[in-house]
Amino acid sequence: MPRELSEKDIAILKKLAPECGDFTCSGSGHRFHSILPPVSNHFAEDSEDFIQRISRLSDDELVYITEMIQNGEESMGCLPVEDVEAFIHLIHDRLSSELAQKIMTVYENGGECEH
């Protein structure tokens, strides 16, 4: 479900990708509608870099993103599998195994990339 990034979303995106100056996908020309896909696909050099970036999230920010995923407002469909696994591992380690399983289920049940 496409959404407009809120000020909170933009603050998180800038925390994860401080080099982000424009909130437009260079491939599609559309504005970003999620936080994780641009970080993974446009700014992180590889999965290790993605892990370092998402590790910057506070627990509150991590909860916020997981809530958005569960509500269908944050997409994981465009993420490479290794980045999804890293994100779920972070949720497991920092929040709970139950929440990590919920996010994995959401990912497995859908997650087409929306522009």
Protein backbone atom coordinates (compact mmCIF):
# COMPACT_ATOMS: atom_id res chain seq x y z
CA MET A 1 0.00 0.00 0.00
CA PRO A 2 1.77 3.21 -1.11
CA ARG A 3 2.01 5.88 1.52
CA GLU A 4 3.53 9.27 1.98
CA LEU A 5 6.53 9.15 4.28
CA SER A 6 5.82 10.94 7.55
CA GLU A 7 8.34 13.18 9.28
CA LYS A 8 9.15 10.25 11.57
CA ASP A 9 9.73 7.98 8.55
CA ILE A 10 12.02 10.58 6.97
CA ALA A 11 13.98 10.98 10.21
CA ILE A 12 14.49 7.20 10.39
CA LEU A 13 15.44 7.02 6.71
CA LYS A 14 18.00 9.81 7.19
CA LYS A 15 19.38 8.01 10.26
CA LEU A 16 19.85 4.84 8.23
CA ALA A 17 21.04 6.60 5.07
CA PRO A 18 22.42 10.03 5.97
CA GLU A 19 23.54 10.44 2.36
CA CYS A 20 19.89 10.39 1.24
CA GLY A 21 19.18 13.84 -0.11
CA ASP A 22 16.27 13.09 -2.42
CA PHE A 23 13.42 10.76 -1.53
CA THR A 24 12.94 9.59 -5.12
CA CYS A 25 13.80 6.15 -6.47
CA SER A 26 16.38 6.59 -9.21
CA GLY A 27 15.08 3.49 -11.01
CA SER A 28 11.37 4.30 -11.12
CA GLY A 29 11.34 8.05 -10.59
CA HIS A 30 8.70 7.61 -7.87
CA ARG A 31 9.02 8.92 -4.34
CA PHE A 32 9.95 6.38 -1.69
CA HIS A 33 6.95 4.87 0.09
CA SER A 34 8.86 2.77 2.62
CA ILE A 35 11.99 2.93 4.75
CA LEU A 36 13.72 -0.43 4.37
CA PRO A 37 13.70 -0.91 0.57
CA PRO A 38 15.54 2.33 -0.24
CA VAL A 39 18.11 1.63 2.46
CA SER A 40 18.68 -1.88 1.15
CA ASN A 41 18.47 -1.21 -2.58
CA HIS A 42 19.82 2.32 -2.98
CA PHE A 43 22.18 3.10 -0.12
CA ALA A 44 23.60 -0.07 1.45
CA GLU A 45 26.61 -1.35 -0.47
CA ASP A 46 25.90 -4.97 0.51
CA SER A 47 24.16 -7.03 3.19
CA GLU A 48 26.87 -6.31 5.73
CA ASP A 49 26.39 -2.58 5.20
CA PHE A 50 22.60 -3.05 5.48
CA ILE A 51 23.06 -4.84 8.82
CA GLN A 52 25.27 -2.02 10.12
CA ARG A 53 22.69 0.53 9.05
CA ILE A 54 19.65 -1.18 10.59
CA SER A 55 21.62 -1.78 13.78
CA ARG A 56 21.46 2.02 14.29
CA LEU A 57 17.74 1.75 14.97
CA SER A 58 16.61 2.25 18.53
CA ASP A 59 14.26 -0.36 19.93
CA ASP A 60 11.40 2.15 19.62
CA GLU A 61 12.21 2.73 15.94
CA LEU A 62 12.43 -1.00 15.37
CA VAL A 63 9.02 -1.51 17.00
CA TYR A 64 7.62 1.32 14.86
CA ILE A 65 8.85 -0.30 11.64
CA THR A 66 7.55 -3.73 12.66
CA GLU A 67 4.15 -2.20 13.40
CA MET A 68 4.14 -0.59 9.96
CA ILE A 69 5.05 -3.95 8.39
CA GLN A 70 2.22 -5.70 10.22
CA ASN A 71 -0.21 -2.96 9.12
CA GLY A 72 0.88 -3.34 5.50
CA GLU A 73 2.34 0.16 5.39
CA GLU A 74 6.03 -0.81 5.23
CA SER A 75 7.22 -3.05 2.43
CA MET A 76 9.80 -5.82 2.59
CA GLY A 77 8.95 -7.25 -0.81
CA CYS A 78 11.79 -5.46 -2.61
CA LEU A 79 14.45 -6.55 -0.14
CA PRO A 80 16.99 -9.22 -1.04
CA VAL A 81 16.40 -12.38 1.02
CA GLU A 82 19.64 -11.89 2.96
CA ASP A 83 18.49 -8.41 4.06
CA VAL A 84 15.10 -9.75 5.16
CA GLU A 85 16.89 -12.44 7.15
CA ALA A 86 19.19 -9.84 8.75
CA PHE A 87 16.23 -7.63 9.67
CA ILE A 88 14.33 -10.56 11.20
CA HIS A 89 17.46 -11.64 13.09
CA LEU A 90 17.74 -8.12 14.53
CA ILE A 91 14.09 -8.22 15.63
CA HIS A 92 14.67 -11.63 17.22
CA ASP A 93 17.77 -10.47 19.10
CA ARG A 94 16.53 -7.05 20.19
CA LEU A 95 12.76 -7.44 20.59
CA SER A 96 11.43 -11.00 20.66
CA SER A 97 11.33 -14.29 18.82
CA GLU A 98 7.53 -14.04 18.64
CA LEU A 99 7.66 -10.70 16.85
CA ALA A 100 10.38 -11.98 14.54
CA GLN A 101 8.12 -14.90 13.59
CA LYS A 102 5.18 -12.53 12.95
CA ILE A 103 7.31 -10.42 10.63
CA MET A 104 8.58 -13.52 8.84
CA THR A 105 4.98 -14.65 8.34
CA VAL A 106 4.01 -11.26 6.90
CA TYR A 107 6.97 -11.46 4.53
CA GLU A 108 6.16 -15.02 3.45
CA ASN A 109 2.49 -14.17 2.85
CA GLY A 110 3.02 -11.32 0.47
CA GLY A 111 5.39 -8.51 0.08
CA GLU A 112 5.28 -7.51 -3.56
CA CYS A 113 7.33 -4.42 -4.20
CA GLU A 114 5.02 -1.43 -4.54
CA HIS A 115 6.20 1.75 -6.18
